[in-house]
């Protein structure tokens, strides 16, 4: 798990949310675990690297 966390709010229709939560429960994973995995896979598929729990390495001042 990452060292630092940030919240991501996603709007989704209630039926999809319920189906997603039900499937996650059947697979003994949390919805957050699945979303984190999907994001990692999406970044990798598009060649985007990142430092888990690290600061933004783009060099831009915050």
PDB file of N, CA and C in Angstrom:
ATOM      1  N   UNK A   1       0.840  -1.181   0.000  1.00  0.00           N
ATOM      2  CA  UNK A   1       0.000   0.000   0.000  1.00  0.00           C
ATOM      3  C   UNK A   1       0.882   1.240   0.000  1.00  0.00           C
ATOM      4  N   UNK A   2       0.413   2.297  -0.622  1.00  0.00           N
ATOM      5  CA  UNK A   2       1.167   3.527  -0.719  1.00  0.00           C
ATOM      6  C   UNK A   2       1.381   4.139   0.659  1.00  0.00           C
ATOM      7  N   UNK A   3       2.473   4.908   0.800  1.00  0.00           N
ATOM      8  CA  UNK A   3       2.784   5.527   2.077  1.00  0.00           C
ATOM      9  C   UNK A   3       1.854   6.683   2.394  1.00  0.00           C
ATOM     10  N   UNK A   4       1.525   7.481   1.399  1.00  0.00           N
ATOM     11  CA  UNK A   4       0.607   8.598   1.573  1.00  0.00           C
ATOM     12  C   UNK A   4      -0.669   8.283   0.807  1.00  0.00           C
ATOM     13  N   UNK A   5      -1.758   8.861   1.248  1.00  0.00           N
ATOM     14  CA  UNK A   5      -3.009   8.634   0.535  1.00  0.00           C
ATOM     15  C   UNK A   5      -3.665   9.960   0.182  1.00  0.00           C
ATOM     16  N   UNK A   6      -4.475   9.919  -0.847  1.00  0.00           N
ATOM     17  CA  UNK A   6      -5.277  11.065  -1.264  1.00  0.00           C
ATOM     18  C   UNK A   6      -6.648  10.531  -1.641  1.00  0.00           C
ATOM     19  N   UNK A   7      -7.643  11.332  -1.441  1.00  0.00           N
ATOM     20  CA  UNK A   7      -9.014  10.907  -1.733  1.00  0.00           C
ATOM     21  C   UNK A   7      -9.376  11.243  -3.177  1.00  0.00           C
ATOM     22  N   UNK A   8     -10.045  10.301  -3.835  1.00  0.00           N
ATOM     23  CA  UNK A   8     -10.553  10.486  -5.190  1.00  0.00           C
ATOM     24  C   UNK A   8     -12.061  10.246  -5.137  1.00  0.00           C
ATOM     25  N   UNK A   9     -12.834  11.254  -5.488  1.00  0.00           N
ATOM     26  CA  UNK A   9     -14.289  11.121  -5.474  1.00  0.00           C
ATOM     27  C   UNK A   9     -14.769  10.840  -6.889  1.00  0.00           C
ATOM     28  N   UNK A  10     -15.544   9.779  -7.033  1.00  0.00           N
ATOM     29  CA  UNK A  10     -16.048   9.363  -8.339  1.00  0.00           C
ATOM     30  C   UNK A  10     -17.570   9.310  -8.275  1.00  0.00           C
ATOM     31  N   UNK A  11     -18.214   9.913  -9.258  1.00  0.00           N
ATOM     32  CA  UNK A  11     -19.674   9.836  -9.340  1.00  0.00           C
ATOM     33  C   UNK A  11     -20.052   8.674 -10.250  1.00  0.00           C
ATOM     34  N   UNK A  12     -20.921   7.813  -9.757  1.00  0.00           N
ATOM     35  CA  UNK A  12     -21.331   6.621 -10.493  1.00  0.00           C
ATOM     36  C   UNK A  12     -22.794   6.345 -10.145  1.00  0.00           C
ATOM     37  N   UNK A  13     -23.524   5.762 -11.073  1.00  0.00           N
ATOM     38  CA  UNK A  13     -24.931   5.517 -10.777  1.00  0.00           C
ATOM     39  C   UNK A  13     -25.055   4.412  -9.718  1.00  0.00           C
ATOM     40  N   UNK A  14     -26.090   4.486  -8.905  1.00  0.00           N
ATOM     41  CA  UNK A  14     -26.238   3.569  -7.776  1.00  0.00           C
ATOM     42  C   UNK A  14     -26.243   2.084  -8.150  1.00  0.00           C
ATOM     43  N   UNK A  15     -26.824   1.730  -9.281  1.00  0.00           N
ATOM     44  CA  UNK A  15     -26.874   0.314  -9.669  1.00  0.00           C
ATOM     45  C   UNK A  15     -25.477  -0.227  -9.959  1.00  0.00           C
ATOM     46  N   UNK A  16     -24.643   0.567 -10.643  1.00  0.00           N
ATOM     47  CA  UNK A  16     -23.271   0.129 -10.924  1.00  0.00           C
ATOM     48  C   UNK A  16     -22.466   0.043  -9.632  1.00  0.00           C
ATOM     49  N   UNK A  17     -22.668   0.995  -8.739  1.00  0.00           N
ATOM     50  CA  UNK A  17     -21.954   0.988  -7.458  1.00  0.00           C
ATOM     51  C   UNK A  17     -22.287  -0.275  -6.675  1.00  0.00           C
ATOM     52  N   UNK A  18     -23.558  -0.597  -6.589  1.00  0.00           N
ATOM     53  CA  UNK A  18     -23.988  -1.788  -5.859  1.00  0.00           C
ATOM     54  C   UNK A  18     -23.416  -3.056  -6.488  1.00  0.00           C
ATOM     55  N   UNK A  19     -23.477  -3.161  -7.818  1.00  0.00           N
ATOM     56  CA  UNK A  19     -22.935  -4.336  -8.505  1.00  0.00           C
ATOM     57  C   UNK A  19     -21.429  -4.456  -8.268  1.00  0.00           C
ATOM     58  N   UNK A  20     -20.722  -3.322  -8.307  1.00  0.00           N
ATOM     59  CA  UNK A  20     -19.277  -3.306  -8.077  1.00  0.00           C
ATOM     60  C   UNK A  20     -18.954  -3.748  -6.655  1.00  0.00           C
ATOM     61  N   UNK A  21     -19.668  -3.203  -5.677  1.00  0.00           N
ATOM     62  CA  UNK A  21     -19.429  -3.573  -4.282  1.00  0.00           C
ATOM     63  C   UNK A  21     -19.745  -5.042  -4.027  1.00  0.00           C
ATOM     64  N   UNK A  22     -20.797  -5.542  -4.649  1.00  0.00           N
ATOM     65  CA  UNK A  22     -21.163  -6.951  -4.498  1.00  0.00           C
ATOM     66  C   UNK A  22     -20.085  -7.855  -5.079  1.00  0.00           C
ATOM     67  N   UNK A  23     -19.608  -7.528  -6.277  1.00  0.00           N
ATOM     68  CA  UNK A  23     -18.553  -8.323  -6.901  1.00  0.00           C
ATOM     69  C   UNK A  23     -17.270  -8.273  -6.079  1.00  0.00           C
ATOM     70  N   UNK A  24     -16.912  -7.106  -5.601  1.00  0.00           N
ATOM     71  CA  UNK A  24     -15.710  -6.978  -4.765  1.00  0.00           C
ATOM     72  C   UNK A  24     -15.823  -7.865  -3.526  1.00  0.00           C
ATOM     73  N   UNK A  25     -16.981  -7.844  -2.881  1.00  0.00           N
ATOM     74  CA  UNK A  25     -17.184  -8.664  -1.688  1.00  0.00           C
ATOM     75  C   UNK A  25     -17.050 -10.151  -2.009  1.00  0.00           C
ATOM     76  N   UNK A  26     -17.603 -10.569  -3.145  1.00  0.00           N
ATOM     77  CA  UNK A  26     -17.494 -11.973  -3.554  1.00  0.00           C
ATOM     78  C   UNK A  26     -16.047 -12.369  -3.808  1.00  0.00           C
ATOM     79  N   UNK A  27     -15.231 -11.417  -4.263  1.00  0.00           N
ATOM     80  CA  UNK A  27     -13.826 -11.693  -4.563  1.00  0.00           C
ATOM     81  C   UNK A  27     -12.917 -11.388  -3.371  1.00  0.00           C
ATOM     82  N   UNK A  28     -13.515 -11.024  -2.237  1.00  0.00           N
ATOM     83  CA  UNK A  28     -12.793 -10.731  -0.998  1.00  0.00           C
ATOM     84  C   UNK A  28     -11.737  -9.640  -1.173  1.00  0.00           C
ATOM     85  N   UNK A  29     -12.110  -8.591  -1.889  1.00  0.00           N
ATOM     86  CA  UNK A  29     -11.266  -7.403  -2.040  1.00  0.00           C
ATOM     87  C   UNK A  29     -12.138  -6.182  -1.772  1.00  0.00           C
ATOM     88  N   UNK A  30     -11.498  -5.090  -1.399  1.00  0.00           N
ATOM     89  CA  UNK A  30     -12.261  -3.862  -1.192  1.00  0.00           C
ATOM     90  C   UNK A  30     -12.368  -3.108  -2.512  1.00  0.00           C
ATOM     91  N   UNK A  31     -13.399  -2.289  -2.655  1.00  0.00           N
ATOM     92  CA  UNK A  31     -13.485  -1.453  -3.851  1.00  0.00           C
ATOM     93  C   UNK A  31     -12.240  -0.581  -4.029  1.00  0.00           C
ATOM     94  N   UNK A  32     -11.691  -0.080  -2.946  1.00  0.00           N
ATOM     95  CA  UNK A  32     -10.483   0.748  -3.043  1.00  0.00           C
ATOM     96  C   UNK A  32      -9.303  -0.035  -3.607  1.00  0.00           C
ATOM     97  N   UNK A  33      -9.158  -1.291  -3.196  1.00  0.00           N
ATOM     98  CA  UNK A  33      -8.070  -2.115  -3.734  1.00  0.00           C
ATOM     99  C   UNK A  33      -8.207  -2.270  -5.244  1.00  0.00           C
ATOM    100  N   UNK A  34      -9.421  -2.507  -5.700  1.00  0.00           N
ATOM    101  CA  UNK A  34      -9.660  -2.694  -7.134  1.00  0.00           C
ATOM    102  C   UNK A  34      -9.384  -1.404  -7.896  1.00  0.00           C
ATOM    103  N   UNK A  35      -9.854  -0.282  -7.380  1.00  0.00           N
ATOM    104  CA  UNK A  35      -9.637   0.999  -8.058  1.00  0.00           C
ATOM    105  C   UNK A  35      -8.149   1.329  -8.109  1.00  0.00           C
ATOM    106  N   UNK A  36      -7.416   1.111  -7.011  1.00  0.00           N
ATOM    107  CA  UNK A  36      -5.968   1.368  -7.024  1.00  0.00           C
ATOM    108  C   UNK A  36      -5.266   0.504  -8.074  1.00  0.00           C
ATOM    109  N   UNK A  37      -5.675  -0.767  -8.168  1.00  0.00           N
ATOM    110  CA  UNK A  37      -5.077  -1.664  -9.165  1.00  0.00           C
ATOM    111  C   UNK A  37      -5.391  -1.183 -10.584  1.00  0.00           C
ATOM    112  N   UNK A  38      -6.635  -0.791 -10.828  1.00  0.00           N
ATOM    113  CA  UNK A  38      -7.014  -0.291 -12.154  1.00  0.00           C
ATOM    114  C   UNK A  38      -6.211   0.954 -12.530  1.00  0.00           C
ATOM    115  N   UNK A  39      -6.008   1.846 -11.573  1.00  0.00           N
ATOM    116  CA  UNK A  39      -5.238   3.060 -11.848  1.00  0.00           C
ATOM    117  C   UNK A  39      -3.786   2.716 -12.155  1.00  0.00           C
ATOM    118  N   UNK A  40      -3.176   1.813 -11.373  1.00  0.00           N
ATOM    119  CA  UNK A  40      -1.787   1.400 -11.653  1.00  0.00           C
ATOM    120  C   UNK A  40      -1.667   0.798 -13.049  1.00  0.00           C
ATOM    121  N   UNK A  41      -2.614  -0.078 -13.411  1.00  0.00           N
ATOM    122  CA  UNK A  41      -2.586  -0.717 -14.729  1.00  0.00           C
ATOM    123  C   UNK A  41      -2.790   0.306 -15.848  1.00  0.00           C
ATOM    124  N   UNK A  42      -3.668   1.268 -15.648  1.00  0.00           N
ATOM    125  CA  UNK A  42      -3.937   2.306 -16.651  1.00  0.00           C
ATOM    126  C   UNK A  42      -2.697   3.167 -16.859  1.00  0.00           C
ATOM    127  N   UNK A  43      -2.051   3.559 -15.767  1.00  0.00           N
ATOM    128  CA  UNK A  43      -0.823   4.352 -15.880  1.00  0.00           C
ATOM    129  C   UNK A  43       0.262   3.562 -16.613  1.00  0.00           C
ATOM    130  N   UNK A  44       0.439   2.298 -16.252  1.00  0.00           N
ATOM    131  CA  UNK A  44       1.461   1.465 -16.891  1.00  0.00           C
ATOM    132  C   UNK A  44       1.171   1.287 -18.378  1.00  0.00           C
ATOM    133  N   UNK A  45      -0.088   1.080 -18.723  1.00  0.00           N
ATOM    134  CA  UNK A  45      -0.463   0.878 -20.126  1.00  0.00           C
ATOM    135  C   UNK A  45      -0.177   2.109 -20.975  1.00  0.00           C
ATOM    136  N   UNK A  46      -0.148   3.273 -20.338  1.00  0.00           N
ATOM    137  CA  UNK A  46       0.102   4.517 -21.058  1.00  0.00           C
ATOM    138  C   UNK A  46       1.508   5.055 -20.819  1.00  0.00           C
ATOM    139  N   UNK A  47       2.367   4.216 -20.248  1.00  0.00           N
ATOM    140  CA  UNK A  47       3.768   4.580 -20.072  1.00  0.00           C
ATOM    141  C   UNK A  47       4.013   5.692 -19.068  1.00  0.00           C
ATOM    142  N   UNK A  48       3.112   5.846 -18.112  1.00  0.00           N
ATOM    143  CA  UNK A  48       3.269   6.896 -17.106  1.00  0.00           C
ATOM    144  C   UNK A  48       3.900   6.288 -15.862  1.00  0.00           C
ATOM    145  N   UNK A  49       5.034   6.852 -15.450  1.00  0.00           N
ATOM    146  CA  UNK A  49       5.691   6.361 -14.245  1.00  0.00           C
ATOM    147  C   UNK A  49       5.370   7.280 -13.075  1.00  0.00           C
ATOM    148  N   UNK A  50       5.494   6.739 -11.887  1.00  0.00           N
ATOM    149  CA  UNK A  50       5.231   7.509 -10.675  1.00  0.00           C
ATOM    150  C   UNK A  50       6.000   6.886  -9.527  1.00  0.00           C
ATOM    151  N   UNK A  51       6.182   7.654  -8.481  1.00  0.00           N
ATOM    152  CA  UNK A  51       6.837   7.163  -7.278  1.00  0.00           C
ATOM    153  C   UNK A  51       5.740   6.962  -6.236  1.00  0.00           C
ATOM    154  N   UNK A  52       5.453   5.710  -5.849  1.00  0.00           N
ATOM    155  CA  UNK A  52       4.389   5.476  -4.873  1.00  0.00           C
ATOM    156  C   UNK A  52       4.644   6.229  -3.571  1.00  0.00           C
ATOM    157  N   UNK A  53       3.664   6.998  -3.150  1.00  0.00           N
ATOM    158  CA  UNK A  53       3.772   7.729  -1.901  1.00  0.00           C
ATOM    159  C   UNK A  53       4.774   8.860  -1.928  1.00  0.00           C
ATOM    160  N   UNK A  54       5.376   9.099  -3.095  1.00  0.00           N
ATOM    161  CA  UNK A  54       6.399  10.127  -3.196  1.00  0.00           C
ATOM    162  C   UNK A  54       5.848  11.438  -3.685  1.00  0.00           C
ATOM    163  N   UNK A  55       6.722  12.392  -3.746  1.00  0.00           N
ATOM    164  CA  UNK A  55       6.355  13.704  -4.259  1.00  0.00           C
ATOM    165  C   UNK A  55       6.324  13.660  -5.778  1.00  0.00           C
ATOM    166  N   UNK A  56       5.610  14.581  -6.362  1.00  0.00           N
ATOM    167  CA  UNK A  56       5.562  14.725  -7.818  1.00  0.00           C
ATOM    168  C   UNK A  56       6.971  14.998  -8.313  1.00  0.00           C
ATOM    169  N   UNK A  57       7.440  14.207  -9.270  1.00  0.00           N
ATOM    170  CA  UNK A  57       8.811  14.372  -9.761  1.00  0.00           C
ATOM    171  C   UNK A  57       8.879  15.201 -11.038  1.00  0.00           C
ATOM    172  N   UNK A  58       7.836  15.992 -11.305  1.00  0.00           N
ATOM    173  CA  UNK A  58       7.813  16.776 -12.543  1.00  0.00           C
ATOM    174  C   UNK A  58       8.700  18.004 -12.467  1.00  0.00           C
ATOM    175  N   UNK A  59       9.131  18.371 -11.248  1.00  0.00           N
ATOM    176  CA  UNK A  59       9.981  19.538 -11.095  1.00  0.00           C
ATOM    177  C   UNK A  59       9.209  20.827 -10.935  1.00  0.00           C
ATOM    178  N   UNK A  60       7.902  20.771 -11.061  1.00  0.00           N
ATOM    179  CA  UNK A  60       7.083  21.972 -10.915  1.00  0.00           C
ATOM    180  C   UNK A  60       6.883  22.273  -9.437  1.00  0.00           C
ATOM    181  N   UNK A  61       6.921  23.542  -9.105  1.00  0.00           N
ATOM    182  CA  UNK A  61       6.694  23.936  -7.720  1.00  0.00           C
ATOM    183  C   UNK A  61       5.216  23.810  -7.390  1.00  0.00           C
ATOM    184  N   UNK A  62       4.938  23.383  -6.169  1.00  0.00           N
ATOM    185  CA  UNK A  62       3.541  23.216  -5.751  1.00  0.00           C
ATOM    186  C   UNK A  62       2.960  24.509  -5.244  1.00  0.00           C
TER     187      UNK A  62
END
